[in-house]
């Protein structure tokens, strides 16, 4: 239920401010989350679409290996601003 609410909020925000940069706190949180998986990226350079995908991957219910694989796949082909 919580993920559904977050998804709705993020999609509404993306629709209303699609040209805006992602929230700096969200960007920093994702960078810290990537560190836990041994990954590094300058998330501030990514488009909101990529930031949202990373956020959902980090907060999913998959195991550590599956989550890391998903994060690596997203980071291989990010959408930049």
N, C-alpha and C. Protein backbone atom coordinates (compact mmCIF):
# COMPACT_ATOMS: atom_id res chain seq x y z
N UNK A 1 0.82 -1.18 0.00
CA UNK A 1 0.00 0.00 0.00
C UNK A 1 0.87 1.25 0.00
N UNK A 2 1.93 1.24 0.79
CA UNK A 2 2.81 2.39 0.87
C UNK A 2 3.48 2.65 -0.48
N UNK A 3 3.91 1.59 -1.15
CA UNK A 3 4.56 1.76 -2.45
C UNK A 3 3.58 2.34 -3.46
N UNK A 4 2.33 1.95 -3.39
CA UNK A 4 1.32 2.48 -4.29
C UNK A 4 1.14 3.98 -4.07
N UNK A 5 1.09 4.39 -2.83
CA UNK A 5 0.93 5.81 -2.52
C UNK A 5 2.15 6.59 -3.01
N UNK A 6 3.33 6.06 -2.78
CA UNK A 6 4.55 6.73 -3.23
C UNK A 6 4.56 6.81 -4.76
N UNK A 7 4.15 5.74 -5.43
CA UNK A 7 4.12 5.74 -6.89
C UNK A 7 3.16 6.79 -7.42
N UNK A 8 2.01 6.91 -6.80
CA UNK A 8 1.04 7.91 -7.24
C UNK A 8 1.59 9.32 -7.02
N UNK A 9 2.15 9.56 -5.87
CA UNK A 9 2.70 10.88 -5.57
C UNK A 9 3.82 11.23 -6.55
N UNK A 10 4.73 10.28 -6.79
CA UNK A 10 5.84 10.55 -7.71
C UNK A 10 5.35 10.76 -9.14
N UNK A 11 4.37 10.00 -9.57
CA UNK A 11 3.88 10.17 -10.94
C UNK A 11 3.15 11.51 -11.09
N UNK A 12 2.43 11.93 -10.06
CA UNK A 12 1.78 13.24 -10.12
C UNK A 12 2.83 14.35 -10.16
N UNK A 13 3.86 14.22 -9.35
CA UNK A 13 4.92 15.22 -9.35
C UNK A 13 5.63 15.25 -10.70
N UNK A 14 5.87 14.09 -11.27
CA UNK A 14 6.55 14.04 -12.56
C UNK A 14 5.69 14.70 -13.63
N UNK A 15 4.39 14.51 -13.57
CA UNK A 15 3.50 15.10 -14.57
C UNK A 15 3.43 16.62 -14.44
N UNK A 16 3.49 17.11 -13.22
CA UNK A 16 3.34 18.55 -13.02
C UNK A 16 4.64 19.32 -13.15
N UNK A 17 5.76 18.70 -12.81
CA UNK A 17 7.05 19.38 -12.88
C UNK A 17 8.07 18.52 -13.61
N UNK A 18 7.73 18.06 -14.79
CA UNK A 18 8.61 17.14 -15.51
C UNK A 18 9.95 17.78 -15.87
N UNK A 19 10.00 19.09 -15.99
CA UNK A 19 11.25 19.75 -16.34
C UNK A 19 12.12 20.05 -15.12
N UNK A 20 11.57 19.90 -13.94
CA UNK A 20 12.32 20.24 -12.72
C UNK A 20 13.31 19.13 -12.37
N UNK A 21 14.34 19.52 -11.65
CA UNK A 21 15.33 18.55 -11.18
C UNK A 21 14.75 17.75 -10.02
N UNK A 22 15.28 16.53 -9.83
CA UNK A 22 14.84 15.74 -8.67
C UNK A 22 15.23 16.43 -7.37
N UNK A 23 14.51 16.13 -6.33
CA UNK A 23 14.76 16.69 -5.00
C UNK A 23 16.18 16.33 -4.56
N UNK A 24 16.95 17.32 -4.08
CA UNK A 24 18.33 17.04 -3.65
C UNK A 24 18.42 16.01 -2.52
N UNK A 25 17.45 16.01 -1.63
CA UNK A 25 17.47 15.01 -0.55
C UNK A 25 17.25 13.61 -1.11
N UNK A 26 16.37 13.49 -2.09
CA UNK A 26 16.13 12.19 -2.73
C UNK A 26 17.39 11.73 -3.46
N UNK A 27 18.04 12.64 -4.15
CA UNK A 27 19.27 12.32 -4.87
C UNK A 27 20.34 11.82 -3.90
N UNK A 28 20.52 12.53 -2.79
CA UNK A 28 21.53 12.13 -1.79
C UNK A 28 21.19 10.78 -1.18
N UNK A 29 19.91 10.56 -0.90
CA UNK A 29 19.48 9.28 -0.34
C UNK A 29 19.75 8.12 -1.29
N UNK A 30 19.55 8.35 -2.57
CA UNK A 30 19.81 7.31 -3.56
C UNK A 30 21.30 7.04 -3.66
N UNK A 31 22.11 8.10 -3.63
CA UNK A 31 23.57 7.91 -3.67
C UNK A 31 24.05 7.10 -2.47
N UNK A 32 23.49 7.37 -1.30
CA UNK A 32 23.85 6.59 -0.11
C UNK A 32 23.38 5.14 -0.26
N UNK A 33 22.19 4.95 -0.80
CA UNK A 33 21.68 3.60 -1.03
C UNK A 33 22.54 2.83 -2.01
N UNK A 34 23.01 3.49 -3.06
CA UNK A 34 23.89 2.83 -4.02
C UNK A 34 25.19 2.40 -3.37
N UNK A 35 25.69 3.22 -2.44
CA UNK A 35 26.91 2.86 -1.70
C UNK A 35 26.77 1.53 -0.97
N UNK A 36 25.59 1.27 -0.43
CA UNK A 36 25.36 0.01 0.29
C UNK A 36 25.48 -1.20 -0.62
N UNK A 37 25.31 -0.98 -1.92
CA UNK A 37 25.42 -2.06 -2.89
C UNK A 37 26.75 -2.01 -3.64
N UNK A 38 27.67 -1.17 -3.17
CA UNK A 38 28.99 -1.08 -3.78
C UNK A 38 28.97 -0.36 -5.12
N UNK A 39 27.99 0.49 -5.33
CA UNK A 39 27.86 1.22 -6.60
C UNK A 39 27.99 2.72 -6.36
N UNK A 40 28.50 3.42 -7.35
CA UNK A 40 28.63 4.87 -7.25
C UNK A 40 28.11 5.49 -8.53
N UNK A 41 27.42 6.62 -8.38
CA UNK A 41 26.95 7.37 -9.53
C UNK A 41 26.62 8.79 -9.08
N UNK A 42 26.77 9.73 -10.00
CA UNK A 42 26.36 11.11 -9.74
C UNK A 42 24.89 11.22 -10.12
N UNK A 43 24.03 10.90 -9.19
CA UNK A 43 22.59 10.82 -9.43
C UNK A 43 22.02 12.19 -9.80
N UNK A 44 22.67 13.26 -9.40
CA UNK A 44 22.17 14.60 -9.71
C UNK A 44 22.16 14.87 -11.22
N UNK A 45 22.90 14.11 -11.99
CA UNK A 45 22.95 14.29 -13.44
C UNK A 45 21.84 13.54 -14.17
N UNK A 46 21.12 12.69 -13.45
CA UNK A 46 20.09 11.86 -14.08
C UNK A 46 18.76 12.60 -14.16
N UNK A 47 17.97 12.22 -15.15
CA UNK A 47 16.62 12.75 -15.28
C UNK A 47 15.75 12.14 -14.18
N UNK A 48 14.64 12.80 -13.91
CA UNK A 48 13.73 12.35 -12.85
C UNK A 48 13.31 10.91 -13.08
N UNK A 49 13.10 10.53 -14.32
CA UNK A 49 12.68 9.16 -14.65
C UNK A 49 13.67 8.12 -14.11
N UNK A 50 14.95 8.37 -14.30
CA UNK A 50 15.98 7.45 -13.81
C UNK A 50 16.06 7.47 -12.29
N UNK A 51 15.93 8.64 -11.70
CA UNK A 51 15.98 8.76 -10.24
C UNK A 51 14.84 7.97 -9.61
N UNK A 52 13.66 8.06 -10.19
CA UNK A 52 12.51 7.32 -9.67
C UNK A 52 12.74 5.82 -9.79
N UNK A 53 13.27 5.37 -10.92
CA UNK A 53 13.55 3.93 -11.08
C UNK A 53 14.55 3.44 -10.04
N UNK A 54 15.59 4.23 -9.80
CA UNK A 54 16.57 3.86 -8.78
C UNK A 54 15.94 3.82 -7.39
N UNK A 55 15.10 4.79 -7.11
CA UNK A 55 14.43 4.85 -5.80
C UNK A 55 13.59 3.59 -5.57
N UNK A 56 12.80 3.22 -6.56
CA UNK A 56 11.95 2.04 -6.40
C UNK A 56 12.78 0.75 -6.31
N UNK A 57 13.87 0.69 -7.04
CA UNK A 57 14.73 -0.49 -6.96
C UNK A 57 15.33 -0.61 -5.56
N UNK A 58 15.77 0.51 -5.00
CA UNK A 58 16.38 0.50 -3.67
C UNK A 58 15.38 0.14 -2.58
N UNK A 59 14.12 0.46 -2.77
CA UNK A 59 13.13 0.23 -1.74
C UNK A 59 12.19 -0.93 -2.06
N UNK A 60 12.61 -1.78 -2.97
CA UNK A 60 11.80 -2.94 -3.34
C UNK A 60 11.96 -4.06 -2.34
N UNK A 61 11.31 -5.16 -2.63
CA UNK A 61 11.33 -6.31 -1.72
C UNK A 61 12.21 -7.44 -2.23
N UNK A 62 12.96 -7.18 -3.29
CA UNK A 62 13.85 -8.20 -3.84
C UNK A 62 15.04 -8.43 -2.90
N UNK A 63 15.72 -9.51 -3.12
CA UNK A 63 16.92 -9.81 -2.34
C UNK A 63 18.07 -8.91 -2.74
N UNK A 64 19.16 -8.98 -1.98
CA UNK A 64 20.32 -8.12 -2.19
C UNK A 64 20.89 -8.28 -3.59
N UNK A 65 21.08 -9.51 -4.04
CA UNK A 65 21.69 -9.76 -5.35
C UNK A 65 20.78 -9.27 -6.47
N UNK A 66 19.49 -9.57 -6.39
CA UNK A 66 18.54 -9.12 -7.42
C UNK A 66 18.45 -7.60 -7.46
N UNK A 67 18.46 -6.97 -6.30
CA UNK A 67 18.41 -5.51 -6.25
C UNK A 67 19.65 -4.91 -6.86
N UNK A 68 20.81 -5.46 -6.53
CA UNK A 68 22.07 -4.94 -7.09
C UNK A 68 22.09 -5.12 -8.61
N UNK A 69 21.62 -6.25 -9.10
CA UNK A 69 21.56 -6.47 -10.54
C UNK A 69 20.63 -5.46 -11.22
N UNK A 70 19.49 -5.19 -10.59
CA UNK A 70 18.56 -4.21 -11.15
C UNK A 70 19.17 -2.81 -11.16
N UNK A 71 19.83 -2.44 -10.08
CA UNK A 71 20.49 -1.13 -10.01
C UNK A 71 21.56 -1.00 -11.08
N UNK A 72 22.36 -2.05 -11.26
CA UNK A 72 23.40 -2.02 -12.28
C UNK A 72 22.79 -1.87 -13.67
N UNK A 73 21.67 -2.53 -13.92
CA UNK A 73 21.00 -2.43 -15.22
C UNK A 73 20.50 -1.01 -15.46
N UNK A 74 19.95 -0.39 -14.44
CA UNK A 74 19.47 1.00 -14.56
C UNK A 74 20.65 1.94 -14.81
N UNK A 75 21.74 1.72 -14.09
CA UNK A 75 22.90 2.60 -14.22
C UNK A 75 23.64 2.42 -15.55
N UNK A 76 23.45 1.29 -16.21
CA UNK A 76 24.09 1.08 -17.52
C UNK A 76 23.48 1.98 -18.59
N UNK A 77 22.19 2.26 -18.47
CA UNK A 77 21.50 3.06 -19.48
C UNK A 77 20.63 4.15 -18.83
N UNK A 78 21.25 5.07 -18.10
CA UNK A 78 20.43 6.11 -17.45
C UNK A 78 19.97 7.16 -18.47
N UNK A 79 18.89 7.82 -18.12
CA UNK A 79 18.42 8.96 -18.91
C UNK A 79 18.96 10.20 -18.21
N UNK A 80 19.69 11.02 -18.97
CA UNK A 80 20.26 12.24 -18.41
C UNK A 80 19.33 13.42 -18.65
N UNK A 81 19.54 14.48 -17.88
CA UNK A 81 18.74 15.70 -18.02
C UNK A 81 18.93 16.30 -19.39
